[in-house]
Amino acid sequence: MGYYVMKCNRCIKLIPDFWNDGLDINELEGFISHINKCDECREELTIDFLVKEGLQSLESGNTFDLNESLKHEMNSATHKLNVRKKMKSFYHFMSTIVFLMFAALVAYLVIYK
């Protein structure tokens, strides 16, 4: 499964969905790849993150390290993507096993009935 190449306008539109965990596996993979390569979109994500998290931290009186917090969020998203990809692969593997077992059962019934 490869990700699709994402353009800047699409990436920027997906930022709210990224924060809300609303991207499917292909969108998330394309989004992360694009953010890692595109300075302009990474800056948009950083600004959005600053507004989203930074103001909340300032209001509560907590200290806030923008770069570390954003790095943590991106690492978390990458980890989530990797887990989703493994789960999808496992699902396909198990579907194949079930199909092969069903085919073997049908073949057995056809041959020995």
PDB file of N, CA and C in Angstrom:
ATOM      1  N   MET A   1       0.840  -1.161   0.000  1.00  0.00           N
ATOM      2  CA  MET A   1       0.000   0.000   0.000  1.00  0.00           C
ATOM      3  C   MET A   1       0.885   1.223   0.000  1.00  0.00           C
ATOM      4  N   GLY A   2       0.786   2.034  -0.994  1.00  0.00           N
ATOM      5  CA  GLY A   2       1.557   3.255  -1.037  1.00  0.00           C
ATOM      6  C   GLY A   2       0.660   4.448  -0.771  1.00  0.00           C
ATOM      7  N   TYR A   3       1.242   5.486  -0.311  1.00  0.00           N
ATOM      8  CA  TYR A   3       0.451   6.683  -0.075  1.00  0.00           C
ATOM      9  C   TYR A   3       0.354   7.454  -1.383  1.00  0.00           C
ATOM     10  N   TYR A   4      -0.644   8.296  -1.435  1.00  0.00           N
ATOM     11  CA  TYR A   4      -0.770   9.133  -2.618  1.00  0.00           C
ATOM     12  C   TYR A   4      -0.035  10.445  -2.369  1.00  0.00           C
ATOM     13  N   VAL A   5       0.409  11.067  -3.428  1.00  0.00           N
ATOM     14  CA  VAL A   5       1.130  12.331  -3.321  1.00  0.00           C
ATOM     15  C   VAL A   5       0.099  13.419  -3.022  1.00  0.00           C
ATOM     16  N   MET A   6       0.360  14.159  -1.970  1.00  0.00           N
ATOM     17  CA  MET A   6      -0.576  15.169  -1.527  1.00  0.00           C
ATOM     18  C   MET A   6      -0.076  16.558  -1.926  1.00  0.00           C
ATOM     19  N   LYS A   7      -0.988  17.390  -2.354  1.00  0.00           N
ATOM     20  CA  LYS A   7      -0.647  18.776  -2.685  1.00  0.00           C
ATOM     21  C   LYS A   7      -0.898  19.658  -1.469  1.00  0.00           C
ATOM     22  N   CYS A   8      -0.265  20.807  -1.465  1.00  0.00           N
ATOM     23  CA  CYS A   8      -0.322  21.713  -0.315  1.00  0.00           C
ATOM     24  C   CYS A   8      -1.748  22.090   0.075  1.00  0.00           C
ATOM     25  N   ASN A   9      -2.584  22.444  -0.894  1.00  0.00           N
ATOM     26  CA  ASN A   9      -3.937  22.880  -0.544  1.00  0.00           C
ATOM     27  C   ASN A   9      -4.725  21.766   0.134  1.00  0.00           C
ATOM     28  N   ARG A  10      -4.524  20.536  -0.309  1.00  0.00           N
ATOM     29  CA  ARG A  10      -5.198  19.386   0.323  1.00  0.00           C
ATOM     30  C   ARG A  10      -4.650  19.155   1.729  1.00  0.00           C
ATOM     31  N   CYS A  11      -3.352  19.244   1.876  1.00  0.00           N
ATOM     32  CA  CYS A  11      -2.707  19.041   3.165  1.00  0.00           C
ATOM     33  C   CYS A  11      -3.221  20.051   4.188  1.00  0.00           C
ATOM     34  N   ILE A  12      -3.280  21.302   3.804  1.00  0.00           N
ATOM     35  CA  ILE A  12      -3.734  22.356   4.721  1.00  0.00           C
ATOM     36  C   ILE A  12      -5.198  22.139   5.112  1.00  0.00           C
ATOM     37  N   LYS A  13      -6.027  21.706   4.152  1.00  0.00           N
ATOM     38  CA  LYS A  13      -7.434  21.435   4.463  1.00  0.00           C
ATOM     39  C   LYS A  13      -7.588  20.266   5.438  1.00  0.00           C
ATOM     40  N   LEU A  14      -6.624  19.355   5.445  1.00  0.00           N
ATOM     41  CA  LEU A  14      -6.711  18.177   6.310  1.00  0.00           C
ATOM     42  C   LEU A  14      -6.189  18.404   7.728  1.00  0.00           C
ATOM     43  N   ILE A  15      -5.624  19.561   7.999  1.00  0.00           N
ATOM     44  CA  ILE A  15      -5.059  19.808   9.332  1.00  0.00           C
ATOM     45  C   ILE A  15      -6.095  19.612  10.443  1.00  0.00           C
ATOM     46  N   PRO A  16      -7.305  20.169  10.349  1.00  0.00           N
ATOM     47  CA  PRO A  16      -8.283  19.922  11.423  1.00  0.00           C
ATOM     48  C   PRO A  16      -8.619  18.435  11.581  1.00  0.00           C
ATOM     49  N   ASP A  17      -8.739  17.726  10.470  1.00  0.00           N
ATOM     50  CA  ASP A  17      -9.011  16.284  10.545  1.00  0.00           C
ATOM     51  C   ASP A  17      -7.837  15.526  11.162  1.00  0.00           C
ATOM     52  N   PHE A  18      -6.623  15.994  10.901  1.00  0.00           N
ATOM     53  CA  PHE A  18      -5.444  15.393  11.523  1.00  0.00           C
ATOM     54  C   PHE A  18      -5.530  15.511  13.036  1.00  0.00           C
ATOM     55  N   TRP A  19      -5.851  16.695  13.531  1.00  0.00           N
ATOM     56  CA  TRP A  19      -5.948  16.888  14.986  1.00  0.00           C
ATOM     57  C   TRP A  19      -7.079  16.082  15.596  1.00  0.00           C
ATOM     58  N   ASN A  20      -8.151  15.870  14.832  1.00  0.00           N
ATOM     59  CA  ASN A  20      -9.317  15.141  15.346  1.00  0.00           C
ATOM     60  C   ASN A  20      -9.254  13.647  15.058  1.00  0.00           C
ATOM     61  N   ASP A  21      -8.107  13.169  14.573  1.00  0.00           N
ATOM     62  CA  ASP A  21      -7.928  11.748  14.237  1.00  0.00           C
ATOM     63  C   ASP A  21      -8.962  11.288  13.206  1.00  0.00           C
ATOM     64  N   GLY A  22      -9.218  12.161  12.232  1.00  0.00           N
ATOM     65  CA  GLY A  22     -10.232  11.865  11.237  1.00  0.00           C
ATOM     66  C   GLY A  22      -9.697  11.473   9.867  1.00  0.00           C
ATOM     67  N   LEU A  23      -8.405  11.167   9.789  1.00  0.00           N
ATOM     68  CA  LEU A  23      -7.827  10.791   8.500  1.00  0.00           C
ATOM     69  C   LEU A  23      -7.774   9.272   8.374  1.00  0.00           C
ATOM     70  N   ASP A  24      -8.121   8.781   7.179  1.00  0.00           N
ATOM     71  CA  ASP A  24      -7.958   7.341   6.973  1.00  0.00           C
ATOM     72  C   ASP A  24      -6.469   7.044   6.793  1.00  0.00           C
ATOM     73  N   ILE A  25      -6.128   5.796   6.695  1.00  0.00           N
ATOM     74  CA  ILE A  25      -4.723   5.385   6.686  1.00  0.00           C
ATOM     75  C   ILE A  25      -3.951   5.992   5.514  1.00  0.00           C
ATOM     76  N   ASN A  26      -4.563   6.054   4.335  1.00  0.00           N
ATOM     77  CA  ASN A  26      -3.877   6.624   3.171  1.00  0.00           C
ATOM     78  C   ASN A  26      -3.698   8.129   3.307  1.00  0.00           C
ATOM     79  N   GLU A  27      -4.739   8.805   3.801  1.00  0.00           N
ATOM     80  CA  GLU A  27      -4.633  10.249   4.000  1.00  0.00           C
ATOM     81  C   GLU A  27      -3.578  10.566   5.054  1.00  0.00           C
ATOM     82  N   LEU A  28      -3.566   9.798   6.136  1.00  0.00           N
ATOM     83  CA  LEU A  28      -2.598  10.038   7.205  1.00  0.00           C
ATOM     84  C   LEU A  28      -1.175   9.829   6.711  1.00  0.00           C
ATOM     85  N   GLU A  29      -0.974   8.793   5.934  1.00  0.00           N
ATOM     86  CA  GLU A  29       0.363   8.533   5.398  1.00  0.00           C
ATOM     87  C   GLU A  29       0.801   9.648   4.453  1.00  0.00           C
ATOM     88  N   GLY A  30      -0.096  10.080   3.574  1.00  0.00           N
ATOM     89  CA  GLY A  30       0.218  11.176   2.660  1.00  0.00           C
ATOM     90  C   GLY A  30       0.436  12.486   3.395  1.00  0.00           C
ATOM     91  N   PHE A  31      -0.381  12.736   4.426  1.00  0.00           N
ATOM     92  CA  PHE A  31      -0.269  13.954   5.210  1.00  0.00           C
ATOM     93  C   PHE A  31       1.081  14.021   5.920  1.00  0.00           C
ATOM     94  N   ILE A  32       1.444  12.958   6.623  1.00  0.00           N
ATOM     95  CA  ILE A  32       2.713  12.932   7.354  1.00  0.00           C
ATOM     96  C   ILE A  32       3.887  13.084   6.397  1.00  0.00           C
ATOM     97  N   SER A  33       3.839  12.378   5.282  1.00  0.00           N
ATOM     98  CA  SER A  33       4.915  12.478   4.301  1.00  0.00           C
ATOM     99  C   SER A  33       5.039  13.904   3.778  1.00  0.00           C
ATOM    100  N   HIS A  34       3.904  14.515   3.474  1.00  0.00           N
ATOM    101  CA  HIS A  34       3.921  15.876   2.937  1.00  0.00           C
ATOM    102  C   HIS A  34       4.445  16.867   3.979  1.00  0.00           C
ATOM    103  N   ILE A  35       3.972  16.751   5.212  1.00  0.00           N
ATOM    104  CA  ILE A  35       4.403  17.649   6.290  1.00  0.00           C
ATOM    105  C   ILE A  35       5.907  17.528   6.514  1.00  0.00           C
ATOM    106  N   ASN A  36       6.431  16.332   6.409  1.00  0.00           N
ATOM    107  CA  ASN A  36       7.868  16.118   6.611  1.00  0.00           C
ATOM    108  C   ASN A  36       8.716  16.715   5.492  1.00  0.00           C
ATOM    109  N   LYS A  37       8.116  16.947   4.326  1.00  0.00           N
ATOM    110  CA  LYS A  37       8.871  17.455   3.177  1.00  0.00           C
ATOM    111  C   LYS A  37       8.613  18.930   2.863  1.00  0.00           C
ATOM    112  N   CYS A  38       7.481  19.446   3.306  1.00  0.00           N
ATOM    113  CA  CYS A  38       7.053  20.777   2.876  1.00  0.00           C
ATOM    114  C   CYS A  38       7.127  21.777   4.034  1.00  0.00           C
ATOM    115  N   ASP A  39       8.045  22.713   3.928  1.00  0.00           N
ATOM    116  CA  ASP A  39       8.221  23.722   4.984  1.00  0.00           C
ATOM    117  C   ASP A  39       6.974  24.590   5.174  1.00  0.00           C
ATOM    118  N   GLU A  40       6.314  24.966   4.074  1.00  0.00           N
ATOM    119  CA  GLU A  40       5.144  25.840   4.171  1.00  0.00           C
ATOM    120  C   GLU A  40       3.997  25.150   4.909  1.00  0.00           C
ATOM    121  N   CYS A  41       3.740  23.905   4.580  1.00  0.00           N
ATOM    122  CA  CYS A  41       2.644  23.190   5.239  1.00  0.00           C
ATOM    123  C   CYS A  41       2.999  22.855   6.688  1.00  0.00           C
ATOM    124  N   ARG A  42       4.262  22.572   6.936  1.00  0.00           N
ATOM    125  CA  ARG A  42       4.705  22.330   8.315  1.00  0.00           C
ATOM    126  C   ARG A  42       4.515  23.602   9.148  1.00  0.00           C
ATOM    127  N   GLU A  43       4.772  24.757   8.534  1.00  0.00           N
ATOM    128  CA  GLU A  43       4.567  26.025   9.225  1.00  0.00           C
ATOM    129  C   GLU A  43       3.084  26.245   9.521  1.00  0.00           C
ATOM    130  N   GLU A  44       2.208  25.913   8.563  1.00  0.00           N
ATOM    131  CA  GLU A  44       0.757  26.015   8.794  1.00  0.00           C
ATOM    132  C   GLU A  44       0.332  25.103   9.944  1.00  0.00           C
ATOM    133  N   LEU A  45       0.862  23.888   9.950  1.00  0.00           N
ATOM    134  CA  LEU A  45       0.553  22.943  11.023  1.00  0.00           C
ATOM    135  C   LEU A  45       1.045  23.476  12.368  1.00  0.00           C
ATOM    136  N   THR A  46       2.238  24.059  12.370  1.00  0.00           N
ATOM    137  CA  THR A  46       2.815  24.627  13.593  1.00  0.00           C
ATOM    138  C   THR A  46       1.965  25.776  14.116  1.00  0.00           C
ATOM    139  N   ILE A  47       1.527  26.663  13.232  1.00  0.00           N
ATOM    140  CA  ILE A  47       0.678  27.785  13.633  1.00  0.00           C
ATOM    141  C   ILE A  47      -0.638  27.277  14.204  1.00  0.00           C
ATOM    142  N   ASP A  48      -1.223  26.308  13.518  1.00  0.00           N
ATOM    143  CA  ASP A  48      -2.490  25.736  13.986  1.00  0.00           C
ATOM    144  C   ASP A  48      -2.296  25.080  15.355  1.00  0.00           C
ATOM    145  N   PHE A  49      -1.189  24.383  15.520  1.00  0.00           N
ATOM    146  CA  PHE A  49      -0.890  23.730  16.792  1.00  0.00           C
ATOM    147  C   PHE A  49      -0.679  24.763  17.894  1.00  0.00           C
ATOM    148  N   LEU A  50       0.004  25.838  17.555  1.00  0.00           N
ATOM    149  CA  LEU A  50       0.238  26.905  18.528  1.00  0.00           C
ATOM    150  C   LEU A  50      -1.082  27.496  18.997  1.00  0.00           C
ATOM    151  N   VAL A  51      -1.981  27.752  18.069  1.00  0.00           N
ATOM    152  CA  VAL A  51      -3.294  28.293  18.429  1.00  0.00           C
ATOM    153  C   VAL A  51      -4.067  27.264  19.256  1.00  0.00           C
ATOM    154  N   LYS A  52      -4.037  26.023  18.820  1.00  0.00           N
ATOM    155  CA  LYS A  52      -4.807  24.951  19.459  1.00  0.00           C
ATOM    156  C   LYS A  52      -4.295  24.637  20.858  1.00  0.00           C
ATOM    157  N   GLU A  53      -3.018  24.407  21.008  1.00  0.00           N
ATOM    158  CA  GLU A  53      -2.442  23.945  22.273  1.00  0.00           C
ATOM    159  C   GLU A  53      -1.753  25.046  23.068  1.00  0.00           C
ATOM    160  N   GLY A  54      -1.066  25.924  22.371  1.00  0.00           N
ATOM    161  CA  GLY A  54      -0.276  26.945  23.054  1.00  0.00           C
ATOM    162  C   GLY A  54      -1.112  27.894  23.881  1.00  0.00           C
ATOM    163  N   LEU A  55      -2.212  28.365  23.318  1.00  0.00           N
ATOM    164  CA  LEU A  55      -3.065  29.283  24.058  1.00  0.00           C
ATOM    165  C   LEU A  55      -3.675  28.613  25.275  1.00  0.00           C
ATOM    166  N   GLN A  56      -4.044  27.345  25.129  1.00  0.00           N
ATOM    167  CA  GLN A  56      -4.580  26.586  26.252  1.00  0.00           C
ATOM    168  C   GLN A  56      -3.546  26.487  27.374  1.00  0.00           C
ATOM    169  N   SER A  57      -2.309  26.202  27.024  1.00  0.00           N
ATOM    170  CA  SER A  57      -1.245  26.092  28.014  1.00  0.00           C
ATOM    171  C   SER A  57      -0.968  27.433  28.679  1.00  0.00           C
ATOM    172  N   LEU A  58      -0.967  28.497  27.901  1.00  0.00           N
ATOM    173  CA  LEU A  58      -0.721  29.820  28.463  1.00  0.00           C
ATOM    174  C   LEU A  58      -1.834  30.228  29.430  1.00  0.00           C
ATOM    175  N   GLU A  59      -3.080  29.916  29.066  1.00  0.00           N
ATOM    176  CA  GLU A  59      -4.205  30.250  29.933  1.00  0.00           C
ATOM    177  C   GLU A  59      -4.154  29.487  31.246  1.00  0.00           C
ATOM    178  N   SER A  60      -3.691  28.244  31.184  1.00  0.00           N
ATOM    179  CA  SER A  60      -3.625  27.435  32.406  1.00  0.00           C
ATOM    180  C   SER A  60      -2.352  27.697  33.195  1.00  0.00           C
ATOM    181  N   GLY A  61      -1.447  28.484  32.636  1.00  0.00           N
ATOM    182  CA  GLY A  61      -0.210  28.812  33.341  1.00  0.00           C
ATOM    183  C   GLY A  61       0.889  27.782  33.182  1.00  0.00           C
ATOM    184  N   ASN A  62       0.680  26.808  32.340  1.00  0.00           N
ATOM    185  CA  ASN A  62       1.700  25.776  32.104  1.00  0.00           C
ATOM    186  C   ASN A  62       2.759  26.289  31.128  1.00  0.00           C
ATOM    187  N   THR A  63       3.951  25.748  31.253  1.00  0.00           N
ATOM    188  CA  THR A  63       4.977  26.067  30.265  1.00  0.00           C
ATOM    189  C   THR A  63       4.688  25.278  29.003  1.00  0.00           C
ATOM    190  N   PHE A  64       5.176  25.775  27.896  1.00  0.00           N
ATOM    191  CA  PHE A  64       4.849  25.162  26.606  1.00  0.00           C
ATOM    192  C   PHE A  64       6.060  25.249  25.698  1.00  0.00           C
ATOM    193  N   ASP A  65       6.556  24.101  25.279  1.00  0.00           N
ATOM    194  CA  ASP A  65       7.652  24.022  24.314  1.00  0.00           C
ATOM    195  C   ASP A  65       7.042  23.614  22.980  1.00  0.00           C
ATOM    196  N   LEU A  66       6.828  24.588  22.129  1.00  0.00           N
ATOM    197  CA  LEU A  66       6.143  24.367  20.859  1.00  0.00           C
ATOM    198  C   LEU A  66       6.798  23.264  20.046  1.00  0.00           C
ATOM    199  N   ASN A  67       8.096  23.345  19.841  1.00  0.00           N
ATOM    200  CA  ASN A  67       8.782  22.378  18.990  1.00  0.00           C
ATOM    201  C   ASN A  67       8.706  20.966  19.556  1.00  0.00           C
ATOM    202  N   GLU A  68       8.951  20.821  20.850  1.00  0.00           N
ATOM    203  CA  GLU A  68       8.904  19.485  21.464  1.00  0.00           C
ATOM    204  C   GLU A  68       7.491  18.914  21.457  1.00  0.00           C
ATOM    205  N   SER A  69       6.517  19.755  21.750  1.00  0.00           N
ATOM    206  CA  SER A  69       5.130  19.284  21.773  1.00  0.00           C
ATOM    207  C   SER A  69       4.662  18.861  20.389  1.00  0.00           C
ATOM    208  N   LEU A  70       4.998  19.655  19.384  1.00  0.00           N
ATOM    209  CA  LEU A  70       4.618  19.305  18.018  1.00  0.00           C
ATOM    210  C   LEU A  70       5.357  18.058  17.559  1.00  0.00           C
ATOM    211  N   LYS A  71       6.638  17.950  17.913  1.00  0.00           N
ATOM    212  CA  LYS A  71       7.412  16.749  17.572  1.00  0.00           C
ATOM    213  C   LYS A  71       6.764  15.518  18.200  1.00  0.00           C
ATOM    214  N   HIS A  72       6.333  15.647  19.446  1.00  0.00           N
ATOM    215  CA  HIS A  72       5.655  14.533  20.122  1.00  0.00           C
ATOM    216  C   HIS A  72       4.368  14.150  19.391  1.00  0.00           C
ATOM    217  N   GLU A  73       3.586  15.144  18.984  1.00  0.00           N
ATOM    218  CA  GLU A  73       2.335  14.879  18.255  1.00  0.00           C
ATOM    219  C   GLU A  73       2.604  14.160  16.936  1.00  0.00           C
ATOM    220  N   MET A  74       3.631  14.600  16.203  1.00  0.00           N
ATOM    221  CA  MET A  74       3.958  13.963  14.918  1.00  0.00           C
ATOM    222  C   MET A  74       4.476  12.543  15.134  1.00  0.00           C
ATOM    223  N   ASN A  75       5.290  12.331  16.166  1.00  0.00           N
ATOM    224  CA  ASN A  75       5.763  10.977  16.476  1.00  0.00           C
ATOM    225  C   ASN A  75       4.602  10.065  16.847  1.00  0.00           C
ATOM    226  N   SER A  76       3.662  10.608  17.597  1.00  0.00           N
ATOM    227  CA  SER A  76       2.479   9.843  17.976  1.00  0.00           C
ATOM    228  C   SER A  76       1.650   9.475  16.738  1.00  0.00           C
ATOM    229  N   ALA A  77       1.500  10.414  15.825  1.00  0.00           N
ATOM    230  CA  ALA A  77       0.741  10.152  14.593  1.00  0.00           C
ATOM    231  C   ALA A  77       1.454   9.114  13.732  1.00  0.00           C
ATOM    232  N   THR A  78       2.771   9.181  13.663  1.00  0.00           N
ATOM    233  CA  THR A  78       3.538   8.201  12.885  1.00  0.00           C
ATOM    234  C   THR A  78       3.397   6.816  13.505  1.00  0.00           C
ATOM    235  N   HIS A  79       3.443   6.752  14.828  1.00  0.00           N
ATOM    236  CA  HIS A  79       3.260   5.469  15.513  1.00  0.00           C
ATOM    237  C   HIS A  79       1.861   4.917  15.230  1.00  0.00           C
ATOM    238  N   LYS A  80       0.851   5.775  15.316  1.00  0.00           N
ATOM    239  CA  LYS A  80      -0.526   5.362  15.044  1.00  0.00           C
ATOM    240  C   LYS A  80      -0.657   4.843  13.616  1.00  0.00           C
ATOM    241  N   LEU A  81       0.000   5.517  12.666  1.00  0.00           N
ATOM    242  CA  LEU A  81      -0.020   5.081  11.274  1.00  0.00           C
ATOM    243  C   LEU A  81       0.594   3.693  11.142  1.00  0.00           C
ATOM    244  N   ASN A  82       1.736   3.481  11.776  1.00  0.00           N
ATOM    245  CA  ASN A  82       2.400   2.179  11.700  1.00  0.00           C
ATOM    246  C   ASN A  82       1.540   1.072  12.299  1.00  0.00           C
ATOM    247  N   VAL A  83       0.861   1.356  13.407  1.00  0.00           N
ATOM    248  CA  VAL A  83      -0.034   0.361  14.014  1.00  0.00           C
ATOM    249  C   VAL A  83      -1.187   0.050  13.068  1.00  0.00           C
ATOM    250  N   ARG A  84      -1.770   1.090  12.478  1.00  0.00           N
ATOM    251  CA  ARG A  84      -2.879   0.872  11.537  1.00  0.00           C
ATOM    252  C   ARG A  84      -2.438   0.044  10.335  1.00  0.00           C
ATOM    253  N   LYS A  85      -1.238   0.310   9.831  1.00  0.00           N
ATOM    254  CA  LYS A  85      -0.738  -0.447   8.673  1.00  0.00           C
ATOM    255  C   LYS A  85      -0.528  -1.909   9.051  1.00  0.00           C
ATOM    256  N   LYS A  86       0.000  -2.160  10.248  1.00  0.00           N
ATOM    257  CA  LYS A  86       0.196  -3.544  10.703  1.00  0.00           C
ATOM    258  C   LYS A  86      -1.136  -4.242  10.886  1.00  0.00           C
ATOM    259  N   MET A  87      -2.114  -3.529  11.443  1.00  0.00           N
ATOM    260  CA  MET A  87      -3.438  -4.121  11.627  1.00  0.00           C
ATOM    261  C   MET A  87      -4.078  -4.440  10.284  1.00  0.00           C
ATOM    262  N   LYS A  88      -3.902  -3.556   9.318  1.00  0.00           N
ATOM    263  CA  LYS A  88      -4.471  -3.796   7.997  1.00  0.00           C
ATOM    264  C   LYS A  88      -3.809  -5.005   7.342  1.00  0.00           C
ATOM    265  N   SER A  89      -2.498  -5.112   7.479  1.00  0.00           N
ATOM    266  CA  SER A  89      -1.783  -6.270   6.930  1.00  0.00           C
ATOM    267  C   SER A  89      -2.244  -7.556   7.609  1.00  0.00           C
ATOM    268  N   PHE A  90      -2.401  -7.504   8.925  1.00  0.00           N
ATOM    269  CA  PHE A  90      -2.866  -8.681   9.663  1.00  0.00           C
ATOM    270  C   PHE A  90      -4.268  -9.072   9.213  1.00  0.00           C
ATOM    271  N   TYR A  91      -5.132  -8.081   9.021  1.00  0.00           N
ATOM    272  CA  TYR A  91      -6.489  -8.343   8.552  1.00  0.00           C
ATOM    273  C   TYR A  91      -6.461  -9.048   7.181  1.00  0.00           C
ATOM    274  N   HIS A  92      -5.626  -8.557   6.271  1.00  0.00           N
ATOM    275  CA  HIS A  92      -5.531  -9.176   4.947  1.00  0.00           C
ATOM    276  C   HIS A  92      -4.966 -10.592   5.052  1.00  0.00           C
ATOM    277  N   PHE A  93      -3.988 -10.776   5.907  1.00  0.00           N
ATOM    278  CA  PHE A  93      -3.405 -12.104   6.119  1.00  0.00           C
ATOM    279  C   PHE A  93      -4.471 -13.068   6.639  1.00  0.00           C
ATOM    280  N   MET A  94      -5.217 -12.641   7.660  1.00  0.00           N
ATOM    281  CA  MET A  94      -6.242 -13.510   8.241  1.00  0.00           C
ATOM    282  C   MET A  94      -7.367 -13.777   7.246  1.00  0.00           C
ATOM    283  N   SER A  95      -7.724 -12.791   6.440  1.00  0.00           N
ATOM    284  CA  SER A  95      -8.754 -12.999   5.413  1.00  0.00           C
ATOM    285  C   SER A  95      -8.303 -14.044   4.411  1.00  0.00           C
ATOM    286  N   THR A  96      -7.037 -13.994   4.046  1.00  0.00           N
ATOM    287  CA  THR A  96      -6.489 -14.981   3.113  1.00  0.00           C
ATOM    288  C   THR A  96      -6.513 -16.381   3.732  1.00  0.00           C
ATOM    289  N   ILE A  97      -6.134 -16.489   4.993  1.00  0.00           N
ATOM    290  CA  ILE A  97      -6.147 -17.788   5.685  1.00  0.00           C
ATOM    291  C   ILE A  97      -7.559 -18.354   5.729  1.00  0.00           C
ATOM    292  N   VAL A  98      -8.536 -17.518   6.078  1.00  0.00           N
ATOM    293  CA  VAL A  98      -9.926 -17.974   6.138  1.00  0.00           C
ATOM    294  C   VAL A  98     -10.396 -18.418   4.759  1.00  0.00           C
ATOM    295  N   PHE A  99     -10.056 -17.661   3.732  1.00  0.00           N
ATOM    296  CA  PHE A  99     -10.439 -18.040   2.374  1.00  0.00           C
ATOM    297  C   PHE A  99      -9.823 -19.380   1.986  1.00  0.00           C
ATOM    298  N   LEU A 100      -8.537 -19.554   2.279  1.00  0.00           N
ATOM    299  CA  LEU A 100      -7.866 -20.821   1.940  1.00  0.00           C
ATOM    300  C   LEU A 100      -8.450 -21.995   2.719  1.00  0.00           C
ATOM    301  N   MET A 101      -8.787 -21.780   3.974  1.00  0.00           N
ATOM    302  CA  MET A 101      -9.408 -22.851   4.760  1.00  0.00           C
ATOM    303  C   MET A 101     -10.774 -23.212   4.195  1.00  0.00           C
ATOM    304  N   PHE A 102     -11.539 -22.206   3.794  1.00  0.00           N
ATOM    305  CA  PHE A 102     -12.837 -22.460   3.198  1.00  0.00           C
ATOM    306  C   PHE A 102     -12.684 -23.221   1.883  1.00  0.00           C
ATOM    307  N   ALA A 103     -11.720 -22.811   1.061  1.00  0.00           N
ATOM    308  CA  ALA A 103     -11.481 -23.506  -0.211  1.00  0.00           C
ATOM    309  C   ALA A 103     -11.048 -24.951   0.034  1.00  0.00           C
ATOM    310  N   ALA A 104     -10.227 -25.183   1.042  1.00  0.00           N
ATOM    311  CA  ALA A 104      -9.795 -26.546   1.367  1.00  0.00           C
ATOM    312  C   ALA A 104     -10.975 -27.371   1.846  1.00  0.00           C
ATOM    313  N   LEU A 105     -11.859 -26.790   2.634  1.00  0.00           N
ATOM    314  CA  LEU A 105     -13.045 -27.502   3.106  1.00  0.00           C
ATOM    315  C   LEU A 105     -13.956 -27.869   1.942  1.00  0.00           C
ATOM    316  N   VAL A 106     -14.172 -26.935   1.040  1.00  0.00           N
ATOM    317  CA  VAL A 106     -15.011 -27.213  -0.133  1.00  0.00           C
ATOM    318  C   VAL A 106     -14.370 -28.306  -0.978  1.00  0.00           C
ATOM    319  N   ALA A 107     -13.068 -28.220  -1.201  1.00  0.00           N
ATOM    320  CA  ALA A 107     -12.373 -29.255  -1.982  1.00  0.00           C
ATOM    321  C   ALA A 107     -12.491 -30.606  -1.295  1.00  0.00           C
ATOM    322  N   TYR A 108     -12.329 -30.652   0.006  1.00  0.00           N
ATOM    323  CA  TYR A 108     -12.449 -31.896   0.755  1.00  0.00           C
ATOM    324  C   TYR A 108     -13.863 -32.479   0.608  1.00  0.00           C
ATOM    325  N   LEU A 109     -14.874 -31.642   0.736  1.00  0.00           N
ATOM    326  CA  LEU A 109     -16.267 -32.118   0.593  1.00  0.00           C
ATOM    327  C   LEU A 109     -16.557 -32.597  -0.808  1.00  0.00           C
ATOM    328  N   VAL A 110     -16.015 -31.941  -1.821  1.00  0.00           N
ATOM    329  CA  VAL A 110     -16.236 -32.344  -3.205  1.00  0.00           C
ATOM    330  C   VAL A 110     -15.549 -33.677  -3.483  1.00  0.00           C
ATOM    331  N   ILE A 111     -14.339 -33.827  -2.984  1.00  0.00           N
ATOM    332  CA  ILE A 111     -13.570 -35.050  -3.272  1.00  0.00           C
ATOM    333  C   ILE A 111     -14.119 -36.245  -2.496  1.00  0.00           C
ATOM    334  N   TYR A 112     -14.487 -36.078  -1.249  1.00  0.00           N
ATOM    335  CA  TYR A 112     -14.858 -37.216  -0.403  1.00  0.00           C
ATOM    336  C   TYR A 112     -16.349 -37.386  -0.195  1.00  0.00           C
ATOM    337  N   LYS A 113     -17.182 -36.709  -0.921  1.00  0.00           N
ATOM    338  CA  LYS A 113     -18.637 -36.907  -0.822  1.00  0.00           C
ATOM    339  C   LYS A 113     -19.152 -37.777  -1.897  1.00  0.00           C
TER     340      LYS A 113
END
